[in-house]
Amino acid sequence: MKLEHLFEDASLTKRPISLNKAYYQKYLKFKGVTLQFKDDTTFYVPLYGSTFDKKGRPIVMGKVRLQVDILPKDQAALNKVGEARSDPNCNPYLPPPVGRISFSMNPLKMFTQLVGPRLRRKIYLFCCLAVCCMMCLAMLPMMIS
């Protein structure tokens, strides 16, 4: 996707421009640019892999959700934003990551973080089965006598 139209409009008007759904419908759609919008300000860009389908077209391996805002240099200098999640965390706000491992001395907490739910369920069932077999073996002498 080329953003040259957006940069040209921002440099001519000397004001910020956002690639939103209305701008796309009004200008970019007719210039051959195809975008799939999630909401009014964000859109998806497909990611292609190095593999091809039977017709020779590249296979889409995933999508990235983007929001594009272009500011003139003088306005960008006035509106400082932090790098990554450092202060000031705005335009856009970047939330802390979800799903990261938090190290703990509790072995059960580490077990739940490292092992997926399906495998964890299988391990729990195997442990219950092992405990039942051990109890049967322990009670076997009482039942025989």
Protein backbone atom coordinates (compact mmCIF):
# COMPACT_ATOMS: atom_id res chain seq x y z
CA MET A 1 0.00 0.00 0.00
CA LYS A 2 1.43 3.36 -1.00
CA LEU A 3 0.85 6.38 1.23
CA GLU A 4 2.14 8.98 -1.21
CA HIS A 5 -1.36 10.45 -1.74
CA LEU A 6 -1.74 10.95 2.00
CA PHE A 7 1.70 12.60 2.37
CA GLU A 8 0.99 14.86 -0.60
CA ASP A 9 -2.33 16.02 0.87
CA ALA A 10 -0.72 16.67 4.27
CA SER A 11 2.12 18.70 2.73
CA LEU A 12 -0.25 20.76 0.54
CA THR A 13 -2.74 21.57 3.30
CA LYS A 14 -0.14 21.92 6.13
CA ARG A 15 -2.50 20.21 8.56
CA PRO A 16 -2.83 16.73 10.05
CA ILE A 17 -4.49 14.03 7.99
CA SER A 18 -5.76 10.69 9.21
CA LEU A 19 -6.33 7.71 6.94
CA ASN A 20 -9.88 6.97 8.02
CA LYS A 21 -12.88 5.36 6.36
CA ALA A 22 -14.31 8.64 5.05
CA TYR A 23 -10.98 9.71 3.46
CA TYR A 24 -10.63 6.27 1.90
CA GLN A 25 -14.17 6.31 0.46
CA LYS A 26 -13.73 9.83 -0.89
CA TYR A 27 -10.22 9.69 -2.42
CA LEU A 28 -8.22 6.46 -2.19
CA LYS A 29 -10.87 3.94 -3.26
CA PHE A 30 -10.90 5.35 -6.78
CA LYS A 31 -7.09 5.27 -7.08
CA GLY A 32 -6.95 1.48 -6.85
CA VAL A 33 -6.17 1.16 -3.13
CA THR A 34 -8.17 -1.60 -1.37
CA LEU A 35 -8.44 -1.61 2.43
CA GLN A 36 -10.60 -3.55 4.87
CA PHE A 37 -11.65 -1.26 7.73
CA LYS A 38 -12.30 -2.53 11.27
CA ASP A 39 -13.86 0.73 12.45
CA ASP A 40 -13.73 4.37 11.31
CA THR A 41 -9.99 4.86 11.98
CA THR A 42 -8.29 1.45 11.81
CA PHE A 43 -7.88 -0.96 8.92
CA TYR A 44 -6.29 -4.33 8.18
CA VAL A 45 -3.30 -4.94 5.92
CA PRO A 46 -2.82 -8.55 4.73
CA LEU A 47 0.53 -10.29 5.27
CA TYR A 48 1.62 -12.61 2.48
CA GLY A 49 3.90 -15.59 2.93
CA SER A 50 6.43 -17.07 0.55
CA THR A 51 4.09 -19.96 -0.33
CA PHE A 52 1.63 -19.93 -3.20
CA ASP A 53 -1.72 -21.61 -3.83
CA LYS A 54 -2.53 -23.81 -6.84
CA LYS A 55 -3.30 -20.78 -9.02
CA GLY A 56 0.06 -19.15 -8.27
CA ARG A 57 -1.24 -16.45 -5.92
CA PRO A 58 0.55 -15.75 -2.62
CA ILE A 59 -1.21 -17.10 0.47
CA VAL A 60 -2.35 -14.62 3.13
CA MET A 61 -0.61 -15.65 6.37
CA GLY A 62 -2.26 -13.08 8.64
CA LYS A 63 -3.38 -9.48 9.03
CA VAL A 64 -2.05 -6.41 10.84
CA ARG A 65 -4.41 -3.77 12.20
CA LEU A 66 -3.12 -0.24 11.54
CA GLN A 67 -4.04 3.37 12.21
CA VAL A 68 -2.24 6.01 10.13
CA ASP A 69 -2.07 9.67 11.21
CA ILE A 70 0.23 12.11 9.43
CA LEU A 71 1.25 15.39 11.07
CA PRO A 72 3.31 18.27 9.67
CA LYS A 73 6.71 18.56 11.36
CA ASP A 74 5.88 21.70 13.38
CA GLN A 75 2.74 20.11 14.87
CA ALA A 76 4.57 16.86 15.58
CA ALA A 77 7.18 18.81 17.56
CA LEU A 78 4.42 20.36 19.69
CA ASN A 79 2.68 17.02 20.39
CA LYS A 80 5.41 14.83 21.87
CA VAL A 81 4.68 11.17 22.44
CA GLY A 82 6.79 8.66 24.31
CA GLU A 83 8.67 5.80 22.73
CA ALA A 84 6.81 2.50 23.05
CA ARG A 85 4.95 2.63 26.42
CA SER A 86 7.05 5.34 28.08
CA ASP A 87 5.43 8.62 29.17
CA PRO A 88 3.50 10.31 27.63
CA ASN A 89 1.76 7.20 26.35
CA CYS A 90 -0.81 8.72 23.98
CA ASN A 91 -1.78 8.88 20.30
CA PRO A 92 -2.36 5.92 20.40
CA TYR A 93 -2.40 4.61 23.96
CA LEU A 94 -0.42 1.38 24.17
CA PRO A 95 -1.74 -0.94 26.91
CA PRO A 96 0.60 -3.28 28.79
CA PRO A 97 1.08 -6.66 27.12
CA VAL A 98 -1.33 -9.46 27.92
CA GLY A 99 -0.38 -13.10 28.38
CA ARG A 100 3.22 -12.70 29.47
CA ILE A 101 4.72 -15.18 31.94
CA SER A 102 5.04 -13.88 35.49
CA PHE A 103 7.63 -15.85 37.44
CA SER A 104 6.45 -17.27 40.74
CA MET A 105 7.70 -19.66 43.41
CA ASN A 106 4.29 -21.35 43.35
CA PRO A 107 4.74 -24.46 41.13
CA LEU A 108 1.01 -24.71 40.32
CA LYS A 109 0.93 -21.13 39.02
CA MET A 110 3.99 -21.77 36.85
CA PHE A 111 2.43 -25.04 35.65
CA THR A 112 -0.76 -23.27 34.54
CA GLN A 113 1.29 -20.63 32.68
CA LEU A 114 3.57 -23.10 30.91
CA VAL A 115 1.08 -25.86 29.98
CA GLY A 116 -1.98 -25.34 27.82
CA PRO A 117 -5.51 -26.16 29.04
CA ARG A 118 -5.97 -29.35 26.97
CA LEU A 119 -2.68 -30.92 28.07
CA ARG A 120 -3.26 -29.74 31.64
CA ARG A 121 -6.65 -31.52 31.68
CA LYS A 122 -5.03 -34.73 30.40
CA ILE A 123 -2.32 -34.54 33.07
CA TYR A 124 -4.95 -34.00 35.80
CA LEU A 125 -6.95 -37.01 34.57
CA PHE A 126 -3.81 -39.17 34.44
CA CYS A 127 -2.94 -38.13 38.03
CA CYS A 128 -6.47 -38.99 39.22
CA LEU A 129 -6.25 -42.36 37.48
CA ALA A 130 -2.85 -43.04 39.07
CA VAL A 131 -4.18 -42.15 42.55
CA CYS A 132 -7.21 -44.46 42.05
CA CYS A 133 -4.94 -47.33 40.93
CA MET A 134 -2.66 -46.83 43.94
CA MET A 135 -5.65 -46.84 46.30
CA CYS A 136 -6.92 -50.08 44.72
CA LEU A 137 -3.47 -51.66 45.12
CA ALA A 138 -3.31 -50.49 48.75
CA MET A 139 -6.75 -51.97 49.52
CA LEU A 140 -6.09 -55.22 47.64
CA PRO A 141 -4.52 -57.05 50.66
CA MET A 142 -7.57 -56.10 52.80
CA MET A 143 -9.99 -57.40 50.18
CA ILE A 144 -8.08 -60.69 49.75
CA SER A 145 -7.92 -61.43 53.52
